[in-house]
Amino acid sequence: MHLPAQSLIYTLLISLIVSTLLGGYILVNHYQLIFLHRLDGEERARENLRSGLLWYLHLGWNPGDTFETDLFDSESDLVSISSEPWGLLGLFHVQGRYNQTVAEQSCLVGQVGYPKHPVPEAR
């Protein structure tokens, strides 16, 4: 039994189309997983930033302080905060990290009774 050469060409063409579609499907799924993993890391870094800032504010702060902590003792959830006086407010530079993903934020914070020393009167 002999097959015409044209059927071999059709078979190769169909297998090429199917393999291209399956390869594209696998590639799209792979990049979607990479994207979701990166998005999860960014979200966790932002959550670490917020948690560290709230914890630092709860502990009480003084202008010029620096604060670094590992939130969950896991070496991957790190927060570093530096503060400096800015008029009657405090300027905070906060950096939250999760593995190699970093989220940064600067904010102004006021505190009742701040500054500790009375402000001299204007002359």
PDB file of N, CA and C in Angstrom:
ATOM      1  N   MET A   1       0.842  -1.159   0.000  1.00  0.00           N
ATOM      2  CA  MET A   1       0.000   0.000   0.000  1.00  0.00           C
ATOM      3  C   MET A   1       0.894   1.231   0.000  1.00  0.00           C
ATOM      4  N   HIS A   2       0.646   2.108  -0.905  1.00  0.00           N
ATOM      5  CA  HIS A   2       1.422   3.333  -1.059  1.00  0.00           C
ATOM      6  C   HIS A   2       0.529   4.527  -0.770  1.00  0.00           C
ATOM      7  N   LEU A   3       1.125   5.497  -0.048  1.00  0.00           N
ATOM      8  CA  LEU A   3       0.421   6.750   0.229  1.00  0.00           C
ATOM      9  C   LEU A   3       0.948   7.812  -0.711  1.00  0.00           C
ATOM     10  N   PRO A   4       0.092   8.687  -1.140  1.00  0.00           N
ATOM     11  CA  PRO A   4       0.574   9.762  -1.996  1.00  0.00           C
ATOM     12  C   PRO A   4       1.446  10.728  -1.179  1.00  0.00           C
ATOM     13  N   ALA A   5       2.406  11.352  -1.830  1.00  0.00           N
ATOM     14  CA  ALA A   5       3.332  12.271  -1.168  1.00  0.00           C
ATOM     15  C   ALA A   5       2.596  13.480  -0.599  1.00  0.00           C
ATOM     16  N   GLN A   6       1.482  13.815  -1.201  1.00  0.00           N
ATOM     17  CA  GLN A   6       0.725  14.964  -0.750  1.00  0.00           C
ATOM     18  C   GLN A   6       0.174  14.738   0.666  1.00  0.00           C
ATOM     19  N   SER A   7      -0.185  13.513   1.033  1.00  0.00           N
ATOM     20  CA  SER A   7      -0.684  13.232   2.376  1.00  0.00           C
ATOM     21  C   SER A   7       0.419  13.410   3.417  1.00  0.00           C
ATOM     22  N   LEU A   8       1.665  13.106   3.044  1.00  0.00           N
ATOM     23  CA  LEU A   8       2.794  13.318   3.945  1.00  0.00           C
ATOM     24  C   LEU A   8       2.994  14.812   4.210  1.00  0.00           C
ATOM     25  N   ILE A   9       2.835  15.625   3.211  1.00  0.00           N
ATOM     26  CA  ILE A   9       2.968  17.073   3.369  1.00  0.00           C
ATOM     27  C   ILE A   9       1.865  17.614   4.273  1.00  0.00           C
ATOM     28  N   TYR A  10       0.641  17.143   4.073  1.00  0.00           N
ATOM     29  CA  TYR A  10      -0.463  17.568   4.934  1.00  0.00           C
ATOM     30  C   TYR A  10      -0.225  17.148   6.378  1.00  0.00           C
ATOM     31  N   THR A  11       0.273  15.950   6.588  1.00  0.00           N
ATOM     32  CA  THR A  11       0.551  15.459   7.933  1.00  0.00           C
ATOM     33  C   THR A  11       1.618  16.320   8.618  1.00  0.00           C
ATOM     34  N   LEU A  12       2.669  16.642   7.907  1.00  0.00           N
ATOM     35  CA  LEU A  12       3.722  17.496   8.470  1.00  0.00           C
ATOM     36  C   LEU A  12       3.203  18.897   8.763  1.00  0.00           C
ATOM     37  N   LEU A  13       2.377  19.428   7.875  1.00  0.00           N
ATOM     38  CA  LEU A  13       1.813  20.750   8.068  1.00  0.00           C
ATOM     39  C   LEU A  13       0.902  20.791   9.294  1.00  0.00           C
ATOM     40  N   ILE A  14       0.054  19.785   9.439  1.00  0.00           N
ATOM     41  CA  ILE A  14      -0.849  19.722  10.602  1.00  0.00           C
ATOM     42  C   ILE A  14      -0.052  19.551  11.895  1.00  0.00           C
ATOM     43  N   SER A  15       0.975  18.697  11.903  1.00  0.00           N
ATOM     44  CA  SER A  15       1.782  18.510  13.105  1.00  0.00           C
ATOM     45  C   SER A  15       2.555  19.788  13.453  1.00  0.00           C
ATOM     46  N   LEU A  16       2.991  20.538  12.448  1.00  0.00           N
ATOM     47  CA  LEU A  16       3.671  21.808  12.688  1.00  0.00           C
ATOM     48  C   LEU A  16       2.729  22.819  13.327  1.00  0.00           C
ATOM     49  N   ILE A  17       1.507  22.897  12.831  1.00  0.00           N
ATOM     50  CA  ILE A  17       0.519  23.822  13.388  1.00  0.00           C
ATOM     51  C   ILE A  17       0.162  23.436  14.818  1.00  0.00           C
ATOM     52  N   VAL A  18      -0.059  22.150  15.057  1.00  0.00           N
ATOM     53  CA  VAL A  18      -0.410  21.686  16.406  1.00  0.00           C
ATOM     54  C   VAL A  18       0.734  21.935  17.385  1.00  0.00           C
ATOM     55  N   SER A  19       1.971  21.633  16.983  1.00  0.00           N
ATOM     56  CA  SER A  19       3.108  21.849  17.884  1.00  0.00           C
ATOM     57  C   SER A  19       3.332  23.333  18.158  1.00  0.00           C
ATOM     58  N   THR A  20       3.091  24.193  17.177  1.00  0.00           N
ATOM     59  CA  THR A  20       3.218  25.633  17.391  1.00  0.00           C
ATOM     60  C   THR A  20       2.167  26.122  18.380  1.00  0.00           C
ATOM     61  N   LEU A  21       0.926  25.673  18.221  1.00  0.00           N
ATOM     62  CA  LEU A  21      -0.135  26.077  19.139  1.00  0.00           C
ATOM     63  C   LEU A  21       0.138  25.573  20.559  1.00  0.00           C
ATOM     64  N   LEU A  22       0.553  24.326  20.706  1.00  0.00           N
ATOM     65  CA  LEU A  22       0.841  23.783  22.035  1.00  0.00           C
ATOM     66  C   LEU A  22       2.047  24.474  22.664  1.00  0.00           C
ATOM     67  N   GLY A  23       3.071  24.748  21.871  1.00  0.00           N
ATOM     68  CA  GLY A  23       4.233  25.465  22.390  1.00  0.00           C
ATOM     69  C   GLY A  23       3.875  26.866  22.851  1.00  0.00           C
ATOM     70  N   GLY A  24       3.039  27.546  22.090  1.00  0.00           N
ATOM     71  CA  GLY A  24       2.576  28.877  22.484  1.00  0.00           C
ATOM     72  C   GLY A  24       1.755  28.838  23.759  1.00  0.00           C
ATOM     73  N   TYR A  25       0.902  27.824  23.895  1.00  0.00           N
ATOM     74  CA  TYR A  25       0.090  27.664  25.095  1.00  0.00           C
ATOM     75  C   TYR A  25       0.973  27.435  26.316  1.00  0.00           C
ATOM     76  N   ILE A  26       1.975  26.590  26.188  1.00  0.00           N
ATOM     77  CA  ILE A  26       2.900  26.321  27.296  1.00  0.00           C
ATOM     78  C   ILE A  26       3.684  27.578  27.649  1.00  0.00           C
ATOM     79  N   LEU A  27       4.123  28.332  26.658  1.00  0.00           N
ATOM     80  CA  LEU A  27       4.877  29.556  26.889  1.00  0.00           C
ATOM     81  C   LEU A  27       4.026  30.616  27.589  1.00  0.00           C
ATOM     82  N   VAL A  28       2.778  30.766  27.177  1.00  0.00           N
ATOM     83  CA  VAL A  28       1.885  31.735  27.820  1.00  0.00           C
ATOM     84  C   VAL A  28       1.659  31.353  29.281  1.00  0.00           C
ATOM     85  N   ASN A  29       1.448  30.077  29.568  1.00  0.00           N
ATOM     86  CA  ASN A  29       1.258  29.643  30.951  1.00  0.00           C
ATOM     87  C   ASN A  29       2.513  29.875  31.786  1.00  0.00           C
ATOM     88  N   HIS A  30       3.674  29.621  31.200  1.00  0.00           N
ATOM     89  CA  HIS A  30       4.932  29.831  31.916  1.00  0.00           C
ATOM     90  C   HIS A  30       5.105  31.301  32.282  1.00  0.00           C
ATOM     91  N   TYR A  31       4.883  32.215  31.341  1.00  0.00           N
ATOM     92  CA  TYR A  31       5.031  33.636  31.626  1.00  0.00           C
ATOM     93  C   TYR A  31       3.952  34.150  32.571  1.00  0.00           C
ATOM     94  N   GLN A  32       2.787  33.547  32.538  1.00  0.00           N
ATOM     95  CA  GLN A  32       1.744  33.925  33.493  1.00  0.00           C
ATOM     96  C   GLN A  32       2.161  33.553  34.910  1.00  0.00           C
ATOM     97  N   LEU A  33       2.762  32.392  35.095  1.00  0.00           N
ATOM     98  CA  LEU A  33       3.240  31.992  36.416  1.00  0.00           C
ATOM     99  C   LEU A  33       4.357  32.912  36.902  1.00  0.00           C
ATOM    100  N   ILE A  34       5.262  33.296  36.011  1.00  0.00           N
ATOM    101  CA  ILE A  34       6.334  34.229  36.384  1.00  0.00           C
ATOM    102  C   ILE A  34       5.738  35.572  36.792  1.00  0.00           C
ATOM    103  N   PHE A  35       4.768  36.060  36.039  1.00  0.00           N
ATOM    104  CA  PHE A  35       4.120  37.327  36.346  1.00  0.00           C
ATOM    105  C   PHE A  35       3.408  37.272  37.695  1.00  0.00           C
ATOM    106  N   LEU A  36       2.669  36.195  37.952  1.00  0.00           N
ATOM    107  CA  LEU A  36       1.955  36.066  39.223  1.00  0.00           C
ATOM    108  C   LEU A  36       2.926  35.960  40.392  1.00  0.00           C
ATOM    109  N   HIS A  37       4.052  35.276  40.201  1.00  0.00           N
ATOM    110  CA  HIS A  37       5.057  35.162  41.253  1.00  0.00           C
ATOM    111  C   HIS A  37       5.651  36.539  41.567  1.00  0.00           C
ATOM    112  N   ARG A  38       5.954  37.314  40.549  1.00  0.00           N
ATOM    113  CA  ARG A  38       6.500  38.662  40.751  1.00  0.00           C
ATOM    114  C   ARG A  38       5.461  39.566  41.399  1.00  0.00           C
ATOM    115  N   LEU A  39       4.203  39.468  40.969  1.00  0.00           N
ATOM    116  CA  LEU A  39       3.136  40.272  41.545  1.00  0.00           C
ATOM    117  C   LEU A  39       2.949  39.929  43.017  1.00  0.00           C
ATOM    118  N   ASP A  40       3.028  38.656  43.364  1.00  0.00           N
ATOM    119  CA  ASP A  40       2.909  38.229  44.753  1.00  0.00           C
ATOM    120  C   ASP A  40       4.055  38.790  45.588  1.00  0.00           C
ATOM    121  N   GLY A  41       5.265  38.800  45.043  1.00  0.00           N
ATOM    122  CA  GLY A  41       6.412  39.358  45.754  1.00  0.00           C
ATOM    123  C   GLY A  41       6.264  40.849  45.999  1.00  0.00           C
ATOM    124  N   GLU A  42       5.762  41.585  45.005  1.00  0.00           N
ATOM    125  CA  GLU A  42       5.557  43.023  45.163  1.00  0.00           C
ATOM    126  C   GLU A  42       4.484  43.308  46.204  1.00  0.00           C
ATOM    127  N   GLU A  43       3.422  42.531  46.186  1.00  0.00           N
ATOM    128  CA  GLU A  43       2.349  42.711  47.170  1.00  0.00           C
ATOM    129  C   GLU A  43       2.863  42.430  48.581  1.00  0.00           C
ATOM    130  N   ARG A  44       3.652  41.388  48.724  1.00  0.00           N
ATOM    131  CA  ARG A  44       4.201  41.036  50.049  1.00  0.00           C
ATOM    132  C   ARG A  44       5.181  42.111  50.522  1.00  0.00           C
ATOM    133  N   ALA A  45       5.970  42.681  49.631  1.00  0.00           N
ATOM    134  CA  ALA A  45       6.891  43.755  50.013  1.00  0.00           C
ATOM    135  C   ALA A  45       6.119  44.988  50.474  1.00  0.00           C
ATOM    136  N   ARG A  46       5.010  45.323  49.797  1.00  0.00           N
ATOM    137  CA  ARG A  46       4.188  46.455  50.230  1.00  0.00           C
ATOM    138  C   ARG A  46       3.532  46.185  51.575  1.00  0.00           C
ATOM    139  N   GLU A  47       3.084  44.948  51.801  1.00  0.00           N
ATOM    140  CA  GLU A  47       2.504  44.599  53.099  1.00  0.00           C
ATOM    141  C   GLU A  47       3.553  44.675  54.198  1.00  0.00           C
ATOM    142  N   ASN A  48       4.774  44.242  53.913  1.00  0.00           N
ATOM    143  CA  ASN A  48       5.858  44.353  54.890  1.00  0.00           C
ATOM    144  C   ASN A  48       6.138  45.811  55.213  1.00  0.00           C
ATOM    145  N   LEU A  49       6.101  46.669  54.208  1.00  0.00           N
ATOM    146  CA  LEU A  49       6.321  48.095  54.404  1.00  0.00           C
ATOM    147  C   LEU A  49       5.283  48.671  55.357  1.00  0.00           C
ATOM    148  N   ARG A  50       4.020  48.380  55.095  1.00  0.00           N
ATOM    149  CA  ARG A  50       2.944  48.894  55.951  1.00  0.00           C
ATOM    150  C   ARG A  50       3.038  48.334  57.370  1.00  0.00           C
ATOM    151  N   SER A  51       3.278  47.033  57.490  1.00  0.00           N
ATOM    152  CA  SER A  51       3.354  46.410  58.810  1.00  0.00           C
ATOM    153  C   SER A  51       4.517  46.966  59.620  1.00  0.00           C
ATOM    154  N   GLY A  52       5.669  47.116  58.989  1.00  0.00           N
ATOM    155  CA  GLY A  52       6.830  47.649  59.689  1.00  0.00           C
ATOM    156  C   GLY A  52       6.620  49.084  60.136  1.00  0.00           C
ATOM    157  N   LEU A  53       6.008  49.899  59.288  1.00  0.00           N
ATOM    158  CA  LEU A  53       5.749  51.294  59.638  1.00  0.00           C
ATOM    159  C   LEU A  53       4.783  51.386  60.815  1.00  0.00           C
ATOM    160  N   LEU A  54       3.701  50.608  60.787  1.00  0.00           N
ATOM    161  CA  LEU A  54       2.743  50.636  61.888  1.00  0.00           C
ATOM    162  C   LEU A  54       3.373  50.140  63.188  1.00  0.00           C
ATOM    163  N   TRP A  55       4.215  49.119  63.090  1.00  0.00           N
ATOM    164  CA  TRP A  55       4.886  48.599  64.282  1.00  0.00           C
ATOM    165  C   TRP A  55       5.833  49.651  64.859  1.00  0.00           C
ATOM    166  N   TYR A  56       6.567  50.318  63.986  1.00  0.00           N
ATOM    167  CA  TYR A  56       7.507  51.353  64.427  1.00  0.00           C
ATOM    168  C   TYR A  56       6.763  52.518  65.073  1.00  0.00           C
ATOM    169  N   LEU A  57       5.641  52.928  64.504  1.00  0.00           N
ATOM    170  CA  LEU A  57       4.850  54.004  65.095  1.00  0.00           C
ATOM    171  C   LEU A  57       4.286  53.583  66.441  1.00  0.00           C
ATOM    172  N   HIS A  58       3.916  52.332  66.583  1.00  0.00           N
ATOM    173  CA  HIS A  58       3.396  51.828  67.846  1.00  0.00           C
ATOM    174  C   HIS A  58       4.477  51.828  68.925  1.00  0.00           C
ATOM    175  N   LEU A  59       5.719  51.525  68.546  1.00  0.00           N
ATOM    176  CA  LEU A  59       6.817  51.498  69.514  1.00  0.00           C
ATOM    177  C   LEU A  59       7.189  52.897  69.995  1.00  0.00           C
ATOM    178  N   GLY A  60       6.857  53.896  69.225  1.00  0.00           N
ATOM    179  CA  GLY A  60       7.248  55.271  69.522  1.00  0.00           C
ATOM    180  C   GLY A  60       8.505  55.598  68.744  1.00  0.00           C
ATOM    181  N   TRP A  61       8.622  56.828  68.319  1.00  0.00           N
ATOM    182  CA  TRP A  61       9.741  57.190  67.468  1.00  0.00           C
ATOM    183  C   TRP A  61      10.333  58.510  67.900  1.00  0.00           C
ATOM    184  N   ASN A  62      11.580  58.674  67.598  1.00  0.00           N
ATOM    185  CA  ASN A  62      12.298  59.929  67.830  1.00  0.00           C
ATOM    186  C   ASN A  62      12.946  60.327  66.519  1.00  0.00           C
ATOM    187  N   PRO A  63      13.033  61.634  66.255  1.00  0.00           N
ATOM    188  CA  PRO A  63      13.665  62.067  65.011  1.00  0.00           C
ATOM    189  C   PRO A  63      15.122  61.617  64.950  1.00  0.00           C
ATOM    190  N   GLY A  64      15.541  61.185  63.788  1.00  0.00           N
ATOM    191  CA  GLY A  64      16.919  60.737  63.601  1.00  0.00           C
ATOM    192  C   GLY A  64      17.123  59.262  63.869  1.00  0.00           C
ATOM    193  N   ASP A  65      16.082  58.566  64.289  1.00  0.00           N
ATOM    194  CA  ASP A  65      16.203  57.123  64.550  1.00  0.00           C
ATOM    195  C   ASP A  65      16.285  56.343  63.252  1.00  0.00           C
ATOM    196  N   THR A  66      16.948  55.206  63.326  1.00  0.00           N
ATOM    197  CA  THR A  66      16.880  54.218  62.253  1.00  0.00           C
ATOM    198  C   THR A  66      16.401  52.927  62.884  1.00  0.00           C
ATOM    199  N   PHE A  67      15.620  52.190  62.129  1.00  0.00           N
ATOM    200  CA  PHE A  67      14.977  50.988  62.659  1.00  0.00           C
ATOM    201  C   PHE A  67      15.022  49.932  61.574  1.00  0.00           C
ATOM    202  N   GLU A  68      15.557  48.780  61.895  1.00  0.00           N
ATOM    203  CA  GLU A  68      15.556  47.648  60.966  1.00  0.00           C
ATOM    204  C   GLU A  68      15.062  46.424  61.706  1.00  0.00           C
ATOM    205  N   THR A  69      14.222  45.657  61.044  1.00  0.00           N
ATOM    206  CA  THR A  69      13.708  44.452  61.679  1.00  0.00           C
ATOM    207  C   THR A  69      13.371  43.401  60.638  1.00  0.00           C
ATOM    208  N   ASP A  70      13.390  42.179  61.083  1.00  0.00           N
ATOM    209  CA  ASP A  70      12.916  41.049  60.296  1.00  0.00           C
ATOM    210  C   ASP A  70      11.552  40.694  60.872  1.00  0.00           C
ATOM    211  N   LEU A  71      10.497  40.928  60.120  1.00  0.00           N
ATOM    212  CA  LEU A  71       9.145  40.851  60.668  1.00  0.00           C
ATOM    213  C   LEU A  71       8.776  39.465  61.190  1.00  0.00           C
ATOM    214  N   PHE A  72       9.128  38.432  60.466  1.00  0.00           N
ATOM    215  CA  PHE A  72       8.682  37.097  60.850  1.00  0.00           C
ATOM    216  C   PHE A  72       9.841  36.156  61.135  1.00  0.00           C
ATOM    217  N   ASP A  73      11.035  36.703  61.388  1.00  0.00           N
ATOM    218  CA  ASP A  73      12.238  35.897  61.636  1.00  0.00           C
ATOM    219  C   ASP A  73      12.477  34.882  60.532  1.00  0.00           C
ATOM    220  N   SER A  74      12.257  35.321  59.305  1.00  0.00           N
ATOM    221  CA  SER A  74      12.395  34.398  58.181  1.00  0.00           C
ATOM    222  C   SER A  74      13.487  34.809  57.202  1.00  0.00           C
ATOM    223  N   GLU A  75      14.203  35.899  57.503  1.00  0.00           N
ATOM    224  CA  GLU A  75      15.277  36.393  56.642  1.00  0.00           C
ATOM    225  C   GLU A  75      14.786  36.882  55.276  1.00  0.00           C
ATOM    226  N   SER A  76      13.493  36.839  55.026  1.00  0.00           N
ATOM    227  CA  SER A  76      12.997  37.296  53.727  1.00  0.00           C
ATOM    228  C   SER A  76      12.067  38.493  53.857  1.00  0.00           C
ATOM    229  N   ASP A  77      11.534  38.747  55.047  1.00  0.00           N
ATOM    230  CA  ASP A  77      10.602  39.845  55.273  1.00  0.00           C
ATOM    231  C   ASP A  77      11.292  40.927  56.099  1.00  0.00           C
ATOM    232  N   LEU A  78      12.000  41.823  55.429  1.00  0.00           N
ATOM    233  CA  LEU A  78      12.790  42.842  56.112  1.00  0.00           C
ATOM    234  C   LEU A  78      12.186  44.219  55.927  1.00  0.00           C
ATOM    235  N   VAL A  79      12.318  45.057  56.961  1.00  0.00           N
ATOM    236  CA  VAL A  79      11.855  46.435  56.907  1.00  0.00           C
ATOM    237  C   VAL A  79      12.950  47.317  57.492  1.00  0.00           C
ATOM    238  N   SER A  80      13.258  48.406  56.810  1.00  0.00           N
ATOM    239  CA  SER A  80      14.178  49.398  57.367  1.00  0.00           C
ATOM    240  C   SER A  80      13.518  50.775  57.273  1.00  0.00           C
ATOM    241  N   ILE A  81      13.638  51.528  58.380  1.00  0.00           N
ATOM    242  CA  ILE A  81      12.998  52.837  58.482  1.00  0.00           C
ATOM    243  C   ILE A  81      14.030  53.829  58.992  1.00  0.00           C
ATOM    244  N   SER A  82      14.100  54.967  58.364  1.00  0.00           N
ATOM    245  CA  SER A  82      14.916  56.058  58.888  1.00  0.00           C
ATOM    246  C   SER A  82      14.012  57.278  59.010  1.00  0.00           C
ATOM    247  N   SER A  83      14.201  58.022  60.094  1.00  0.00           N
ATOM    248  CA  SER A  83      13.359  59.200  60.312  1.00  0.00           C
ATOM    249  C   SER A  83      14.250  60.400  60.552  1.00  0.00           C
ATOM    250  N   GLU A  84      13.727  61.532  60.184  1.00  0.00           N
ATOM    251  CA  GLU A  84      14.433  62.790  60.413  1.00  0.00           C
ATOM    252  C   GLU A  84      13.394  63.870  60.665  1.00  0.00           C
ATOM    253  N   PRO A  85      13.753  64.881  61.440  1.00  0.00           N
ATOM    254  CA  PRO A  85      12.786  65.941  61.715  1.00  0.00           C
ATOM    255  C   PRO A  85      12.527  66.773  60.456  1.00  0.00           C
ATOM    256  N   TRP A  86      11.300  67.198  60.326  1.00  0.00           N
ATOM    257  CA  TRP A  86      10.899  68.050  59.204  1.00  0.00           C
ATOM    258  C   TRP A  86       9.875  69.028  59.752  1.00  0.00           C
ATOM    259  N   GLY A  87      10.362  70.115  60.304  1.00  0.00           N
ATOM    260  CA  GLY A  87       9.466  71.064  60.964  1.00  0.00           C
ATOM    261  C   GLY A  87       8.884  70.435  62.217  1.00  0.00           C
ATOM    262  N   LEU A  88       7.575  70.523  62.358  1.00  0.00           N
ATOM    263  CA  LEU A  88       6.911  69.892  63.499  1.00  0.00           C
ATOM    264  C   LEU A  88       6.549  68.438  63.231  1.00  0.00           C
ATOM    265  N   LEU A  89       6.888  67.947  62.065  1.00  0.00           N
ATOM    266  CA  LEU A  89       6.564  66.574  61.694  1.00  0.00           C
ATOM    267  C   LEU A  89       7.831  65.744  61.623  1.00  0.00           C
ATOM    268  N   GLY A  90       7.660  64.472  61.405  1.00  0.00           N
ATOM    269  CA  GLY A  90       8.792  63.591  61.151  1.00  0.00           C
ATOM    270  C   GLY A  90       8.696  63.058  59.738  1.00  0.00           C
ATOM    271  N   LEU A  91       9.814  63.056  59.036  1.00  0.00           N
ATOM    272  CA  LEU A  91       9.868  62.523  57.669  1.00  0.00           C
ATOM    273  C   LEU A  91      10.436  61.119  57.746  1.00  0.00           C
ATOM    274  N   PHE A  92       9.661  60.140  57.303  1.00  0.00           N
ATOM    275  CA  PHE A  92      10.072  58.735  57.353  1.00  0.00           C
ATOM    276  C   PHE A  92      10.401  58.246  55.954  1.00  0.00           C
ATOM    277  N   HIS A  93      11.488  57.520  55.847  1.00  0.00           N
ATOM    278  CA  HIS A  93      11.834  56.806  54.628  1.00  0.00           C
ATOM    279  C   HIS A  93      11.736  55.322  54.987  1.00  0.00           C
ATOM    280  N   VAL A  94      10.789  54.631  54.373  1.00  0.00           N
ATOM    281  CA  VAL A  94      10.511  53.241  54.720  1.00  0.00           C
ATOM    282  C   VAL A  94      10.824  52.363  53.517  1.00  0.00           C
ATOM    283  N   GLN A  95      11.465  51.234  53.784  1.00  0.00           N
ATOM    284  CA  GLN A  95      11.789  50.283  52.726  1.00  0.00           C
ATOM    285  C   GLN A  95      11.378  48.890  53.212  1.00  0.00           C
ATOM    286  N   GLY A  96      10.436  48.279  52.498  1.00  0.00           N
ATOM    287  CA  GLY A  96      10.003  46.926  52.810  1.00  0.00           C
ATOM    288  C   GLY A  96      10.549  45.975  51.767  1.00  0.00           C
ATOM    289  N   ARG A  97      11.075  44.839  52.214  1.00  0.00           N
ATOM    290  CA  ARG A  97      11.671  43.877  51.290  1.00  0.00           C
ATOM    291  C   ARG A  97      11.040  42.508  51.490  1.00  0.00           C
ATOM    292  N   TYR A  98      10.891  41.814  50.383  1.00  0.00           N
ATOM    293  CA  TYR A  98      10.524  40.406  50.407  1.00  0.00           C
ATOM    294  C   TYR A  98      11.412  39.718  49.381  1.00  0.00           C
ATOM    295  N   ASN A  99      12.305  38.876  49.865  1.00  0.00           N
ATOM    296  CA  ASN A  99      13.342  38.252  49.045  1.00  0.00           C
ATOM    297  C   ASN A  99      14.116  39.349  48.310  1.00  0.00           C
ATOM    298  N   GLN A 100      14.004  39.440  47.003  1.00  0.00           N
ATOM    299  CA  GLN A 100      14.736  40.461  46.258  1.00  0.00           C
ATOM    300  C   GLN A 100      13.839  41.596  45.776  1.00  0.00           C
ATOM    301  N   THR A 101      12.583  41.575  46.154  1.00  0.00           N
ATOM    302  CA  THR A 101      11.638  42.616  45.755  1.00  0.00           C
ATOM    303  C   THR A 101      11.620  43.710  46.820  1.00  0.00           C
ATOM    304  N   VAL A 102      11.692  44.952  46.396  1.00  0.00           N
ATOM    305  CA  VAL A 102      11.775  46.085  47.320  1.00  0.00           C
ATOM    306  C   VAL A 102      10.635  47.055  47.036  1.00  0.00           C
ATOM    307  N   ALA A 103       9.995  47.527  48.104  1.00  0.00           N
ATOM    308  CA  ALA A 103       8.995  48.590  48.010  1.00  0.00           C
ATOM    309  C   ALA A 103       9.458  49.724  48.909  1.00  0.00           C
ATOM    310  N   GLU A 104       9.402  50.950  48.404  1.00  0.00           N
ATOM    311  CA  GLU A 104       9.858  52.109  49.167  1.00  0.00           C
ATOM    312  C   GLU A 104       8.746  53.143  49.252  1.00  0.00           C
ATOM    313  N   GLN A 105       8.765  53.884  50.374  1.00  0.00           N
ATOM    314  CA  GLN A 105       7.770  54.925  50.570  1.00  0.00           C
ATOM    315  C   GLN A 105       8.349  55.962  51.519  1.00  0.00           C
ATOM    316  N   SER A 106       8.011  57.206  51.296  1.00  0.00           N
ATOM    317  CA  SER A 106       8.349  58.293  52.216  1.00  0.00           C
ATOM    318  C   SER A 106       7.048  58.905  52.690  1.00  0.00           C
ATOM    319  N   CYS A 107       6.994  59.263  53.973  1.00  0.00           N
ATOM    320  CA  CYS A 107       5.756  59.837  54.498  1.00  0.00           C
ATOM    321  C   CYS A 107       6.075  60.811  55.625  1.00  0.00           C
ATOM    322  N   LEU A 108       5.152  61.725  55.860  1.00  0.00           N
ATOM    323  CA  LEU A 108       5.233  62.675  56.963  1.00  0.00           C
ATOM    324  C   LEU A 108       4.323  62.194  58.075  1.00  0.00           C
ATOM    325  N   VAL A 109       4.834  62.236  59.303  1.00  0.00           N
ATOM    326  CA  VAL A 109       4.065  61.744  60.438  1.00  0.00           C
ATOM    327  C   VAL A 109       4.147  62.780  61.550  1.00  0.00           C
ATOM    328  N   GLY A 110       3.015  63.047  62.161  1.00  0.00           N
ATOM    329  CA  GLY A 110       2.971  63.942  63.313  1.00  0.00           C
ATOM    330  C   GLY A 110       2.719  63.137  64.569  1.00  0.00           C
ATOM    331  N   GLN A 111       3.110  63.714  65.700  1.00  0.00           N
ATOM    332  CA  GLN A 111       2.930  63.014  66.962  1.00  0.00           C
ATOM    333  C   GLN A 111       2.504  64.039  67.999  1.00  0.00           C
ATOM    334  N   VAL A 112       1.567  63.652  68.859  1.00  0.00           N
ATOM    335  CA  VAL A 112       1.127  64.540  69.917  1.00  0.00           C
ATOM    336  C   VAL A 112       2.297  64.773  70.857  1.00  0.00           C
ATOM    337  N   GLY A 113       2.580  66.019  71.185  1.00  0.00           N
ATOM    338  CA  GLY A 113       3.680  66.330  72.085  1.00  0.00           C
ATOM    339  C   GLY A 113       5.015  66.451  71.381  1.00  0.00           C
ATOM    340  N   TYR A 114       5.039  66.288  70.056  1.00  0.00           N
ATOM    341  CA  TYR A 114       6.307  66.401  69.320  1.00  0.00           C
ATOM    342  C   TYR A 114       6.462  67.846  68.899  1.00  0.00           C
ATOM    343  N   PRO A 115       7.562  68.475  69.004  1.00  0.00           N
ATOM    344  CA  PRO A 115       8.833  67.967  69.466  1.00  0.00           C
ATOM    345  C   PRO A 115       8.896  67.909  70.987  1.00  0.00           C
ATOM    346  N   LYS A 116       9.822  67.140  71.515  1.00  0.00           N
ATOM    347  CA  LYS A 116       9.957  66.939  72.955  1.00  0.00           C
ATOM    348  C   LYS A 116      10.372  68.250  73.632  1.00  0.00           C
ATOM    349  N   HIS A 117      11.171  69.053  72.944  1.00  0.00           N
ATOM    350  CA  HIS A 117      11.642  70.311  73.498  1.00  0.00           C
ATOM    351  C   HIS A 117      10.744  71.427  73.003  1.00  0.00           C
ATOM    352  N   PRO A 118      10.503  72.434  73.842  1.00  0.00           N
ATOM    353  CA  PRO A 118       9.611  73.518  73.391  1.00  0.00           C
ATOM    354  C   PRO A 118      10.199  74.278  72.214  1.00  0.00           C
ATOM    355  N   VAL A 119       9.342  74.740  71.360  1.00  0.00           N
ATOM    356  CA  VAL A 119       9.759  75.508  70.193  1.00  0.00           C
ATOM    357  C   VAL A 119      10.025  76.941  70.651  1.00  0.00           C
ATOM    358  N   PRO A 120      11.204  77.498  70.334  1.00  0.00           N
ATOM    359  CA  PRO A 120      11.467  78.886  70.758  1.00  0.00           C
ATOM    360  C   PRO A 120      10.512  79.858  70.061  1.00  0.00           C
ATOM    361  N   GLU A 121      10.186  80.922  70.769  1.00  0.00           N
ATOM    362  CA  GLU A 121       9.267  81.906  70.214  1.00  0.00           C
ATOM    363  C   GLU A 121       9.985  82.730  69.145  1.00  0.00           C
ATOM    364  N   ALA A 122       9.235  83.145  68.163  1.00  0.00           N
ATOM    365  CA  ALA A 122       9.794  83.980  67.102  1.00  0.00           C
ATOM    366  C   ALA A 122      10.064  85.372  67.640  1.00  0.00           C
ATOM    367  N   ARG A 123      11.140  85.990  67.212  1.00  0.00           N
ATOM    368  CA  ARG A 123      11.477  87.356  67.680  1.00  0.00           C
ATOM    369  C   ARG A 123      11.069  88.384  66.682  1.00  0.00           C
TER     370      ARG A 123
END
